[in-house]
Amino acid sequence: MKKNHISIIASIAILLFASCSNKDEQKNKKVESTAPNEITQVVGVARIEPEKGLLYIYSNANGKIESVNAIENDVVKQNSVLITLTQQTDEAELSMEKSKIASQNSAIESAEASAKAIQSDLQKAKADVELNEKLLAAKAITAQTLNDSKAKYDKLLFEYNKQLAGVNETKNKLTEIEANIKYKSAIINDKIIKAPFNGKVLQLDVHNGDYITTGQKLGQFAPEGSLVAVTEVDELFADKIKTGMKAEIISQLNGEKIGEGEVVFVAEFLKKKSLFSDETTIEDRRVKEVKIRLKSDTKIAINNRVDCIIKLK
């Protein structure tokens, strides 16, 4: 009877030990199962832009539009004419300034010829003075004769210097005319609005006959080159993003993958959210701007809003 009692106690102890062991194992498994998974990708919202950025087309002059020489979606070369303003008045003023060139050159030639003639007389008068000084020393002439020759020399010297000043004045006038020609030419050039780079005309907001002013925004232009997806990564994950990481571009319409790319830019500082943000929303989170260069065969519209998945590994 005593042996049976001992056996029962031992069995109970074994069962309790096994139960505790099972609970410890289950507890460990539970801890393992609740451990956070390693982050392998970061998802963000992006906007598609040219890598060189979207450019606005501005006017550098006031005037009436004579012709719009390009339309939206036109692919153009650098310096291709996009918009032309009326130039009749400016061209007339330019022609008037150019017509002054010939007469002013003639005035310079005449002034220089006169100066050269006076210079010849001046040199002869100087030689006469030197000769008369020697003759006076030899008692061959009177002092009055020497003084007369000196007076003639002084008069010619004054006239020569005055004529040289006239030559400089006519040359300065020519320089002024040439400056006016450059100025008028620059005005005309500003009235021909050209493409700043090779690229595509995205938008033109003006028409023939419109009057525009200096600094007015006329349209938008996309420089030739790769497209980038510009996104902002939350400060919690910003330090994980490095250049060279691969990324996928996902359509927000149907969730399908529509492109691939590589991270080519990560900002060095954190800033407030700005991409697609509502200006009235108060947001204290900070972000880093990230740019993903898309593969050359990617066909996505500029300014399109997409999702991007940056692969951390």
C-alpha atoms as a PDB file:
ATOM      1  CA  MET A   1       0.000   0.000   0.000  1.00  0.00           C
ATOM      2  CA  LYS A   2       2.820   2.361   0.850  1.00  0.00           C
ATOM      3  CA  LYS A   3       4.559   1.546  -2.462  1.00  0.00           C
ATOM      4  CA  ASN A   4       1.400   2.354  -4.420  1.00  0.00           C
ATOM      5  CA  HIS A   5       1.178   5.671  -2.630  1.00  0.00           C
ATOM      6  CA  ILE A   6       4.747   6.571  -3.555  1.00  0.00           C
ATOM      7  CA  SER A   7       4.107   5.610  -7.162  1.00  0.00           C
ATOM      8  CA  ILE A   8       1.084   7.863  -7.368  1.00  0.00           C
ATOM      9  CA  ILE A   9       3.051  10.844  -5.969  1.00  0.00           C
ATOM     10  CA  ALA A  10       5.876  10.247  -8.449  1.00  0.00           C
ATOM     11  CA  SER A  11       3.441  10.126 -11.362  1.00  0.00           C
ATOM     12  CA  ILE A  12       1.853  13.388 -10.291  1.00  0.00           C
ATOM     13  CA  ALA A  13       5.301  15.059 -10.076  1.00  0.00           C
ATOM     14  CA  ILE A  14       6.226  13.867 -13.586  1.00  0.00           C
ATOM     15  CA  LEU A  15       2.969  15.173 -14.981  1.00  0.00           C
ATOM     16  CA  LEU A  16       3.480  18.573 -13.316  1.00  0.00           C
ATOM     17  CA  PHE A  17       7.058  18.779 -14.675  1.00  0.00           C
ATOM     18  CA  ALA A  18       5.915  17.928 -18.188  1.00  0.00           C
ATOM     19  CA  SER A  19       3.130  20.474 -17.981  1.00  0.00           C
ATOM     20  CA  CYS A  20       5.537  23.211 -16.915  1.00  0.00           C
ATOM     21  CA  SER A  21       7.951  22.289 -19.703  1.00  0.00           C
ATOM     22  CA  ASN A  22       5.165  22.472 -22.289  1.00  0.00           C
ATOM     23  CA  LYS A  23       4.100  25.873 -20.993  1.00  0.00           C
ATOM     24  CA  ASP A  24       7.696  27.180 -21.208  1.00  0.00           C
ATOM     25  CA  GLU A  25       8.010  25.915 -24.784  1.00  0.00           C
ATOM     26  CA  GLN A  26       4.694  27.460 -25.740  1.00  0.00           C
ATOM     27  CA  LYS A  27       5.729  30.734 -24.080  1.00  0.00           C
ATOM     28  CA  ASN A  28       9.028  30.752 -25.996  1.00  0.00           C
ATOM     29  CA  LYS A  29       7.207  30.018 -29.249  1.00  0.00           C
ATOM     30  CA  LYS A  30       4.784  32.841 -28.503  1.00  0.00           C
ATOM     31  CA  VAL A  31       7.673  35.294 -27.943  1.00  0.00           C
ATOM     32  CA  GLU A  32       9.317  34.162 -31.154  1.00  0.00           C
ATOM     33  CA  SER A  33       6.085  34.504 -33.104  1.00  0.00           C
ATOM     34  CA  THR A  34       5.520  38.070 -31.873  1.00  0.00           C
ATOM     35  CA  ALA A  35       9.076  39.252 -32.710  1.00  0.00           C
ATOM     36  CA  PRO A  36       8.941  42.037 -35.338  1.00  0.00           C
ATOM     37  CA  ASN A  37       9.704  41.022 -38.921  1.00  0.00           C
ATOM     38  CA  GLU A  38      12.741  42.599 -40.608  1.00  0.00           C
ATOM     39  CA  ILE A  39      11.833  45.513 -42.922  1.00  0.00           C
ATOM     40  CA  THR A  40      12.802  44.685 -46.504  1.00  0.00           C
ATOM     41  CA  GLN A  41      11.046  47.457 -48.438  1.00  0.00           C
ATOM     42  CA  VAL A  42       9.691  50.974 -48.092  1.00  0.00           C
ATOM     43  CA  VAL A  43       6.534  52.084 -49.882  1.00  0.00           C
ATOM     44  CA  GLY A  44       5.797  55.679 -50.851  1.00  0.00           C
ATOM     45  CA  VAL A  45       3.760  57.901 -53.131  1.00  0.00           C
ATOM     46  CA  ALA A  46       5.710  59.480 -56.005  1.00  0.00           C
ATOM     47  CA  ARG A  47       5.308  61.973 -58.825  1.00  0.00           C
ATOM     48  CA  ILE A  48       6.832  61.410 -62.271  1.00  0.00           C
ATOM     49  CA  GLU A  49       9.111  64.228 -63.489  1.00  0.00           C
ATOM     50  CA  PRO A  50      11.952  64.757 -65.976  1.00  0.00           C
ATOM     51  CA  GLU A  51      15.294  64.217 -64.254  1.00  0.00           C
ATOM     52  CA  LYS A  52      16.305  67.804 -65.118  1.00  0.00           C
ATOM     53  CA  GLY A  53      13.044  69.048 -63.639  1.00  0.00           C
ATOM     54  CA  LEU A  54       9.929  70.626 -65.109  1.00  0.00           C
ATOM     55  CA  LEU A  55      10.587  74.079 -66.550  1.00  0.00           C
ATOM     56  CA  TYR A  56       8.200  76.968 -67.015  1.00  0.00           C
ATOM     57  CA  ILE A  57       8.401  79.077 -70.166  1.00  0.00           C
ATOM     58  CA  TYR A  58       8.541  82.801 -69.342  1.00  0.00           C
ATOM     59  CA  SER A  59       8.485  85.987 -71.389  1.00  0.00           C
ATOM     60  CA  ASN A  60      11.478  88.355 -71.240  1.00  0.00           C
ATOM     61  CA  ALA A  61       9.633  91.203 -72.958  1.00  0.00           C
ATOM     62  CA  ASN A  62       6.294  92.956 -73.279  1.00  0.00           C
ATOM     63  CA  GLY A  63       4.421  92.650 -76.519  1.00  0.00           C
ATOM     64  CA  LYS A  64       1.668  91.238 -78.657  1.00  0.00           C
ATOM     65  CA  ILE A  65       1.996  87.638 -79.811  1.00  0.00           C
ATOM     66  CA  GLU A  66       2.461  87.517 -83.564  1.00  0.00           C
ATOM     67  CA  SER A  67       2.661  83.740 -83.836  1.00  0.00           C
ATOM     68  CA  VAL A  68       2.717  80.616 -81.683  1.00  0.00           C
ATOM     69  CA  ASN A  69       5.257  78.374 -83.399  1.00  0.00           C
ATOM     70  CA  ALA A  70       4.804  75.164 -81.386  1.00  0.00           C
ATOM     71  CA  ILE A  71       1.969  73.100 -79.959  1.00  0.00           C
ATOM     72  CA  GLU A  72       1.645  70.831 -76.950  1.00  0.00           C
ATOM     73  CA  ASN A  73       3.572  67.525 -77.181  1.00  0.00           C
ATOM     74  CA  ASP A  74       5.927  68.926 -79.841  1.00  0.00           C
ATOM     75  CA  VAL A  75       9.444  67.504 -79.487  1.00  0.00           C
ATOM     76  CA  VAL A  76      11.828  70.369 -80.205  1.00  0.00           C
ATOM     77  CA  LYS A  77      15.537  71.126 -80.351  1.00  0.00           C
ATOM     78  CA  GLN A  78      17.324  73.710 -78.232  1.00  0.00           C
ATOM     79  CA  ASN A  79      16.730  77.275 -79.539  1.00  0.00           C
ATOM     80  CA  SER A  80      13.724  76.215 -81.622  1.00  0.00           C
ATOM     81  CA  VAL A  81      11.290  79.149 -81.829  1.00  0.00           C
ATOM     82  CA  LEU A  82       8.228  78.590 -79.636  1.00  0.00           C
ATOM     83  CA  ILE A  83       6.561  82.024 -79.634  1.00  0.00           C
ATOM     84  CA  THR A  84       7.201  85.223 -81.619  1.00  0.00           C
ATOM     85  CA  LEU A  85       6.129  88.717 -80.526  1.00  0.00           C
ATOM     86  CA  THR A  86       5.560  91.633 -82.905  1.00  0.00           C
ATOM     87  CA  GLN A  87       8.830  93.462 -83.647  1.00  0.00           C
ATOM     88  CA  GLN A  88       8.059  96.091 -86.317  1.00  0.00           C
ATOM     89  CA  THR A  89       8.776  99.112 -84.108  1.00  0.00           C
ATOM     90  CA  ASP A  90      11.941  97.597 -82.660  1.00  0.00           C
ATOM     91  CA  GLU A  91      13.224  96.623 -86.111  1.00  0.00           C
ATOM     92  CA  ALA A  92      12.616 100.176 -87.390  1.00  0.00           C
ATOM     93  CA  GLU A  93      14.568 101.631 -84.465  1.00  0.00           C
ATOM     94  CA  LEU A  94      17.356  99.110 -85.052  1.00  0.00           C
ATOM     95  CA  SER A  95      17.576 100.042 -88.728  1.00  0.00           C
ATOM     96  CA  MET A  96      17.756 103.715 -87.797  1.00  0.00           C
ATOM     97  CA  GLU A  97      20.681 103.083 -85.438  1.00  0.00           C
ATOM     98  CA  LYS A  98      22.496 100.975 -88.031  1.00  0.00           C
ATOM     99  CA  SER A  99      22.119 103.748 -90.609  1.00  0.00           C
ATOM    100  CA  LYS A 100      24.142 106.066 -88.351  1.00  0.00           C
ATOM    101  CA  ILE A 101      27.213 103.846 -88.533  1.00  0.00           C
ATOM    102  CA  ALA A 102      28.386 104.941 -91.991  1.00  0.00           C
ATOM    103  CA  SER A 103      27.970 108.679 -91.340  1.00  0.00           C
ATOM    104  CA  GLN A 104      29.693 108.392 -87.988  1.00  0.00           C
ATOM    105  CA  ASN A 105      32.655 106.564 -89.530  1.00  0.00           C
ATOM    106  CA  SER A 106      32.894 109.383 -92.082  1.00  0.00           C
ATOM    107  CA  ALA A 107      32.897 111.926 -89.255  1.00  0.00           C
ATOM    108  CA  ILE A 108      35.724 110.065 -87.558  1.00  0.00           C
ATOM    109  CA  GLU A 109      37.775 109.943 -90.766  1.00  0.00           C
ATOM    110  CA  SER A 110      37.243 113.678 -91.323  1.00  0.00           C
ATOM    111  CA  ALA A 111      38.231 114.559 -87.758  1.00  0.00           C
ATOM    112  CA  GLU A 112      41.337 112.386 -87.959  1.00  0.00           C
ATOM    113  CA  ALA A 113      42.331 113.975 -91.292  1.00  0.00           C
ATOM    114  CA  SER A 114      41.993 117.465 -89.809  1.00  0.00           C
ATOM    115  CA  ALA A 115      44.043 116.434 -86.793  1.00  0.00           C
ATOM    116  CA  LYS A 116      46.722 115.014 -89.075  1.00  0.00           C
ATOM    117  CA  ALA A 117      46.909 118.274 -91.084  1.00  0.00           C
ATOM    118  CA  ILE A 118      47.235 120.363 -87.932  1.00  0.00           C
ATOM    119  CA  GLN A 119      49.870 117.972 -86.627  1.00  0.00           C
ATOM    120  CA  SER A 120      51.925 118.557 -89.785  1.00  0.00           C
ATOM    121  CA  ASP A 121      51.732 122.350 -89.330  1.00  0.00           C
ATOM    122  CA  LEU A 122      52.535 121.912 -85.634  1.00  0.00           C
ATOM    123  CA  GLN A 123      55.709 119.972 -86.391  1.00  0.00           C
ATOM    124  CA  LYS A 124      56.828 122.701 -88.863  1.00  0.00           C
ATOM    125  CA  ALA A 125      56.073 125.438 -86.278  1.00  0.00           C
ATOM    126  CA  LYS A 126      58.125 123.580 -83.680  1.00  0.00           C
ATOM    127  CA  ALA A 127      61.056 123.345 -86.099  1.00  0.00           C
ATOM    128  CA  ASP A 128      60.758 127.106 -86.789  1.00  0.00           C
ATOM    129  CA  VAL A 129      60.919 127.880 -83.071  1.00  0.00           C
ATOM    130  CA  GLU A 130      64.031 125.766 -82.638  1.00  0.00           C
ATOM    131  CA  LEU A 131      65.666 127.436 -85.655  1.00  0.00           C
ATOM    132  CA  ASN A 132      64.758 130.948 -84.482  1.00  0.00           C
ATOM    133  CA  GLU A 133      66.225 130.238 -81.065  1.00  0.00           C
ATOM    134  CA  LYS A 134      69.542 129.435 -82.729  1.00  0.00           C
ATOM    135  CA  LEU A 135      69.309 132.488 -85.010  1.00  0.00           C
ATOM    136  CA  LEU A 136      68.556 134.745 -82.043  1.00  0.00           C
ATOM    137  CA  ALA A 137      71.578 133.384 -80.247  1.00  0.00           C
ATOM    138  CA  ALA A 138      73.629 134.275 -83.331  1.00  0.00           C
ATOM    139  CA  LYS A 139      72.082 137.797 -83.427  1.00  0.00           C
ATOM    140  CA  ALA A 140      70.555 136.958 -86.855  1.00  0.00           C
ATOM    141  CA  ILE A 141      66.924 137.794 -85.878  1.00  0.00           C
ATOM    142  CA  THR A 142      65.113 139.869 -83.346  1.00  0.00           C
ATOM    143  CA  ALA A 143      63.494 138.556 -80.188  1.00  0.00           C
ATOM    144  CA  GLN A 144      60.126 139.558 -81.641  1.00  0.00           C
ATOM    145  CA  THR A 145      60.543 137.127 -84.533  1.00  0.00           C
ATOM    146  CA  LEU A 146      61.221 134.301 -82.054  1.00  0.00           C
ATOM    147  CA  ASN A 147      58.214 135.272 -79.955  1.00  0.00           C
ATOM    148  CA  ASP A 148      55.983 135.322 -83.045  1.00  0.00           C
ATOM    149  CA  SER A 149      57.101 131.810 -83.990  1.00  0.00           C
ATOM    150  CA  LYS A 150      56.435 130.583 -80.443  1.00  0.00           C
ATOM    151  CA  ALA A 151      52.937 132.140 -80.483  1.00  0.00           C
ATOM    152  CA  LYS A 152      52.186 130.381 -83.774  1.00  0.00           C
ATOM    153  CA  TYR A 153      53.375 127.086 -82.303  1.00  0.00           C
ATOM    154  CA  ASP A 154      51.238 127.520 -79.159  1.00  0.00           C
ATOM    155  CA  LYS A 155      48.167 128.292 -81.275  1.00  0.00           C
ATOM    156  CA  LEU A 156      48.660 125.215 -83.449  1.00  0.00           C
ATOM    157  CA  LEU A 157      49.229 123.050 -80.345  1.00  0.00           C
ATOM    158  CA  PHE A 158      45.920 124.256 -78.879  1.00  0.00           C
ATOM    159  CA  GLU A 159      44.096 123.559 -82.166  1.00  0.00           C
ATOM    160  CA  TYR A 160      45.704 120.108 -82.405  1.00  0.00           C
ATOM    161  CA  ASN A 161      44.644 119.117 -78.884  1.00  0.00           C
ATOM    162  CA  LYS A 162      41.150 120.452 -79.579  1.00  0.00           C
ATOM    163  CA  GLN A 163      40.979 118.382 -82.765  1.00  0.00           C
ATOM    164  CA  LEU A 164      42.146 115.254 -80.925  1.00  0.00           C
ATOM    165  CA  ALA A 165      39.309 115.798 -78.447  1.00  0.00           C
ATOM    166  CA  GLY A 166      36.942 116.013 -81.410  1.00  0.00           C
ATOM    167  CA  VAL A 167      38.263 112.710 -82.764  1.00  0.00           C
ATOM    168  CA  ASN A 168      37.668 111.050 -79.394  1.00  0.00           C
ATOM    169  CA  GLU A 169      34.169 112.507 -79.233  1.00  0.00           C
ATOM    170  CA  THR A 170      33.230 111.132 -82.653  1.00  0.00           C
ATOM    171  CA  LYS A 171      34.645 107.724 -81.673  1.00  0.00           C
ATOM    172  CA  ASN A 172      32.660 107.770 -78.409  1.00  0.00           C
ATOM    173  CA  LYS A 173      29.545 108.599 -80.415  1.00  0.00           C
ATOM    174  CA  LEU A 174      30.222 105.547 -82.591  1.00  0.00           C
ATOM    175  CA  THR A 175      30.587 103.405 -79.462  1.00  0.00           C
ATOM    176  CA  GLU A 176      27.235 104.753 -78.238  1.00  0.00           C
ATOM    177  CA  ILE A 177      25.567 103.886 -81.554  1.00  0.00           C
ATOM    178  CA  GLU A 178      27.014 100.360 -81.437  1.00  0.00           C
ATOM    179  CA  ALA A 179      25.732  99.948 -77.859  1.00  0.00           C
ATOM    180  CA  ASN A 180      22.265 101.064 -78.980  1.00  0.00           C
ATOM    181  CA  ILE A 181      22.374  98.522 -81.810  1.00  0.00           C
ATOM    182  CA  LYS A 182      23.230  95.750 -79.333  1.00  0.00           C
ATOM    183  CA  TYR A 183      20.431  96.920 -77.025  1.00  0.00           C
ATOM    184  CA  LYS A 184      17.846  97.051 -79.808  1.00  0.00           C
ATOM    185  CA  SER A 185      19.007  93.645 -81.062  1.00  0.00           C
ATOM    186  CA  ALA A 186      18.639  92.220 -77.549  1.00  0.00           C
ATOM    187  CA  ILE A 187      15.071  93.556 -77.332  1.00  0.00           C
ATOM    188  CA  ILE A 188      14.213  91.887 -80.628  1.00  0.00           C
ATOM    189  CA  ASN A 189      15.886  88.669 -79.493  1.00  0.00           C
ATOM    190  CA  ASP A 190      13.834  88.703 -76.272  1.00  0.00           C
ATOM    191  CA  LYS A 191      10.700  88.855 -78.409  1.00  0.00           C
ATOM    192  CA  ILE A 192      11.590  85.508 -79.936  1.00  0.00           C
ATOM    193  CA  ILE A 193      10.931  82.927 -77.217  1.00  0.00           C
ATOM    194  CA  LYS A 194      12.992  79.787 -77.788  1.00  0.00           C
ATOM    195  CA  ALA A 195      13.299  76.294 -76.324  1.00  0.00           C
ATOM    196  CA  PRO A 196      15.944  76.306 -73.543  1.00  0.00           C
ATOM    197  CA  PHE A 197      16.966  72.682 -74.184  1.00  0.00           C
ATOM    198  CA  ASN A 198      16.114  69.709 -76.356  1.00  0.00           C
ATOM    199  CA  GLY A 199      12.810  68.431 -75.027  1.00  0.00           C
ATOM    200  CA  LYS A 200       9.037  68.429 -75.234  1.00  0.00           C
ATOM    201  CA  VAL A 201       6.504  71.235 -75.041  1.00  0.00           C
ATOM    202  CA  LEU A 202       3.996  70.138 -72.401  1.00  0.00           C
ATOM    203  CA  GLN A 203       1.726  73.154 -72.309  1.00  0.00           C
ATOM    204  CA  LEU A 204       1.270  76.589 -73.905  1.00  0.00           C
ATOM    205  CA  ASP A 205      -1.287  78.917 -72.344  1.00  0.00           C
ATOM    206  CA  VAL A 206      -1.242  81.737 -74.934  1.00  0.00           C
ATOM    207  CA  HIS A 207      -2.634  82.380 -78.414  1.00  0.00           C
ATOM    208  CA  ASN A 208      -1.983  84.620 -81.407  1.00  0.00           C
ATOM    209  CA  GLY A 209      -2.933  88.209 -80.618  1.00  0.00           C
ATOM    210  CA  ASP A 210      -2.530  87.912 -76.836  1.00  0.00           C
ATOM    211  CA  TYR A 211      -0.613  90.705 -75.120  1.00  0.00           C
ATOM    212  CA  ILE A 212       1.961  89.421 -72.652  1.00  0.00           C
ATOM    213  CA  THR A 213       4.262  91.094 -70.130  1.00  0.00           C
ATOM    214  CA  THR A 214       7.794  90.526 -68.900  1.00  0.00           C
ATOM    215  CA  GLY A 215       7.965  87.605 -66.468  1.00  0.00           C
ATOM    216  CA  GLN A 216       4.601  86.176 -67.486  1.00  0.00           C
ATOM    217  CA  LYS A 217       4.359  82.369 -67.379  1.00  0.00           C
ATOM    218  CA  LEU A 218       3.509  81.110 -70.854  1.00  0.00           C
ATOM    219  CA  GLY A 219       3.659  77.319 -70.538  1.00  0.00           C
ATOM    220  CA  GLN A 220       5.595  74.306 -69.331  1.00  0.00           C
ATOM    221  CA  PHE A 221       8.526  72.419 -70.837  1.00  0.00           C
ATOM    222  CA  ALA A 222      10.121  69.019 -70.176  1.00  0.00           C
ATOM    223  CA  PRO A 223      13.857  68.767 -70.933  1.00  0.00           C
ATOM    224  CA  GLU A 224      15.053  65.707 -72.811  1.00  0.00           C
ATOM    225  CA  GLY A 225      16.394  62.868 -70.637  1.00  0.00           C
ATOM    226  CA  SER A 226      15.416  60.187 -68.161  1.00  0.00           C
ATOM    227  CA  LEU A 227      12.268  60.289 -66.063  1.00  0.00           C
ATOM    228  CA  VAL A 228      12.423  60.113 -62.278  1.00  0.00           C
ATOM    229  CA  ALA A 229       9.896  59.218 -59.621  1.00  0.00           C
ATOM    230  CA  VAL A 230      10.167  61.801 -56.850  1.00  0.00           C
ATOM    231  CA  THR A 231       8.995  60.542 -53.473  1.00  0.00           C
ATOM    232  CA  GLU A 232       9.364  61.397 -49.794  1.00  0.00           C
ATOM    233  CA  VAL A 233      10.407  58.826 -47.191  1.00  0.00           C
ATOM    234  CA  ASP A 234       9.329  59.185 -43.566  1.00  0.00           C
ATOM    235  CA  GLU A 235      12.066  59.985 -41.060  1.00  0.00           C
ATOM    236  CA  LEU A 236      11.628  56.557 -39.427  1.00  0.00           C
ATOM    237  CA  PHE A 237      12.927  54.866 -42.583  1.00  0.00           C
ATOM    238  CA  ALA A 238      14.893  57.675 -44.257  1.00  0.00           C
ATOM    239  CA  ASP A 239      18.307  56.481 -43.081  1.00  0.00           C
ATOM    240  CA  LYS A 240      17.705  53.058 -44.609  1.00  0.00           C
ATOM    241  CA  ILE A 241      17.490  54.444 -48.169  1.00  0.00           C
ATOM    242  CA  LYS A 242      20.736  54.467 -50.165  1.00  0.00           C
ATOM    243  CA  THR A 243      21.575  55.295 -53.764  1.00  0.00           C
ATOM    244  CA  GLY A 244      21.723  52.245 -55.972  1.00  0.00           C
ATOM    245  CA  MET A 245      18.744  50.511 -54.358  1.00  0.00           C
ATOM    246  CA  LYS A 246      16.239  49.011 -56.780  1.00  0.00           C
ATOM    247  CA  ALA A 247      12.634  50.152 -56.895  1.00  0.00           C
ATOM    248  CA  GLU A 248       9.340  49.248 -58.549  1.00  0.00           C
ATOM    249  CA  ILE A 249       6.711  51.676 -59.790  1.00  0.00           C
ATOM    250  CA  ILE A 250       3.109  50.643 -59.177  1.00  0.00           C
ATOM    251  CA  SER A 251      -0.029  52.043 -60.788  1.00  0.00           C
ATOM    252  CA  GLN A 252      -2.488  53.558 -58.313  1.00  0.00           C
ATOM    253  CA  LEU A 253      -5.266  52.737 -60.756  1.00  0.00           C
ATOM    254  CA  ASN A 254      -4.994  48.942 -60.784  1.00  0.00           C
ATOM    255  CA  GLY A 255      -2.024  48.094 -58.559  1.00  0.00           C
ATOM    256  CA  GLU A 256      -0.002  46.682 -61.456  1.00  0.00           C
ATOM    257  CA  LYS A 257       3.738  47.148 -61.828  1.00  0.00           C
ATOM    258  CA  ILE A 258       4.357  49.701 -64.590  1.00  0.00           C
ATOM    259  CA  GLY A 259       8.062  50.383 -64.260  1.00  0.00           C
ATOM    260  CA  GLU A 260      11.377  49.806 -62.549  1.00  0.00           C
ATOM    261  CA  GLY A 261      14.226  52.031 -61.508  1.00  0.00           C
ATOM    262  CA  GLU A 262      17.116  52.773 -59.219  1.00  0.00           C
ATOM    263  CA  VAL A 263      17.549  55.285 -56.414  1.00  0.00           C
ATOM    264  CA  VAL A 264      19.885  58.014 -57.714  1.00  0.00           C
ATOM    265  CA  PHE A 265      19.340  60.754 -55.123  1.00  0.00           C
ATOM    266  CA  VAL A 266      18.717  60.859 -51.387  1.00  0.00           C
ATOM    267  CA  ALA A 267      18.500  64.277 -49.722  1.00  0.00           C
ATOM    268  CA  GLU A 268      20.990  65.022 -46.964  1.00  0.00           C
ATOM    269  CA  PHE A 269      18.415  66.678 -44.724  1.00  0.00           C
ATOM    270  CA  LEU A 270      14.915  66.207 -43.387  1.00  0.00           C
ATOM    271  CA  LYS A 271      12.129  68.609 -44.300  1.00  0.00           C
ATOM    272  CA  LYS A 272       8.397  68.989 -43.891  1.00  0.00           C
ATOM    273  CA  LYS A 273       6.185  66.971 -46.181  1.00  0.00           C
ATOM    274  CA  SER A 274       5.458  68.775 -49.429  1.00  0.00           C
ATOM    275  CA  LEU A 275       4.723  66.196 -52.134  1.00  0.00           C
ATOM    276  CA  PHE A 276       0.945  65.981 -52.656  1.00  0.00           C
ATOM    277  CA  SER A 277       0.459  67.561 -49.234  1.00  0.00           C
ATOM    278  CA  ASP A 278      -2.588  69.595 -48.324  1.00  0.00           C
ATOM    279  CA  GLU A 279      -1.399  73.040 -47.267  1.00  0.00           C
ATOM    280  CA  THR A 280      -4.129  73.250 -44.649  1.00  0.00           C
ATOM    281  CA  THR A 281      -3.041  70.023 -42.942  1.00  0.00           C
ATOM    282  CA  ILE A 282      -0.852  70.337 -39.873  1.00  0.00           C
ATOM    283  CA  GLU A 283       1.890  67.701 -40.123  1.00  0.00           C
ATOM    284  CA  ASP A 284       4.826  67.377 -37.755  1.00  0.00           C
ATOM    285  CA  ARG A 285       6.432  64.382 -39.436  1.00  0.00           C
ATOM    286  CA  ARG A 286       9.612  65.033 -41.396  1.00  0.00           C
ATOM    287  CA  VAL A 287      10.754  63.355 -44.590  1.00  0.00           C
ATOM    288  CA  LYS A 288      13.690  62.972 -46.974  1.00  0.00           C
ATOM    289  CA  GLU A 289      13.265  63.530 -50.687  1.00  0.00           C
ATOM    290  CA  VAL A 290      14.269  60.543 -52.801  1.00  0.00           C
ATOM    291  CA  LYS A 291      14.551  60.312 -56.600  1.00  0.00           C
ATOM    292  CA  ILE A 292      14.300  57.062 -58.532  1.00  0.00           C
ATOM    293  CA  ARG A 293      15.607  57.109 -62.110  1.00  0.00           C
ATOM    294  CA  LEU A 294      13.337  54.975 -64.288  1.00  0.00           C
ATOM    295  CA  LYS A 295      14.560  52.643 -66.996  1.00  0.00           C
ATOM    296  CA  SER A 296      14.680  54.237 -70.433  1.00  0.00           C
ATOM    297  CA  ASP A 297      11.858  52.068 -71.798  1.00  0.00           C
ATOM    298  CA  THR A 298       9.408  53.131 -69.080  1.00  0.00           C
ATOM    299  CA  LYS A 299       6.297  54.811 -70.495  1.00  0.00           C
ATOM    300  CA  ILE A 300       4.604  56.885 -67.782  1.00  0.00           C
ATOM    301  CA  ALA A 301       3.040  60.314 -68.209  1.00  0.00           C
ATOM    302  CA  ILE A 302       4.848  63.244 -66.614  1.00  0.00           C
ATOM    303  CA  ASN A 303       3.140  64.497 -63.426  1.00  0.00           C
ATOM    304  CA  ASN A 304       1.505  61.089 -62.969  1.00  0.00           C
ATOM    305  CA  ARG A 305       0.956  60.072 -59.353  1.00  0.00           C
ATOM    306  CA  VAL A 306       2.155  56.533 -58.628  1.00  0.00           C
ATOM    307  CA  ASP A 307       3.221  54.271 -55.795  1.00  0.00           C
ATOM    308  CA  CYS A 308       6.838  53.187 -55.468  1.00  0.00           C
ATOM    309  CA  ILE A 309       8.381  50.285 -53.595  1.00  0.00           C
ATOM    310  CA  ILE A 310      12.037  50.696 -52.679  1.00  0.00           C
ATOM    311  CA  LYS A 311      13.794  47.395 -52.056  1.00  0.00           C
ATOM    312  CA  LEU A 312      16.087  47.636 -49.036  1.00  0.00           C
ATOM    313  CA  LYS A 313      17.720  44.281 -49.920  1.00  0.00           C
END
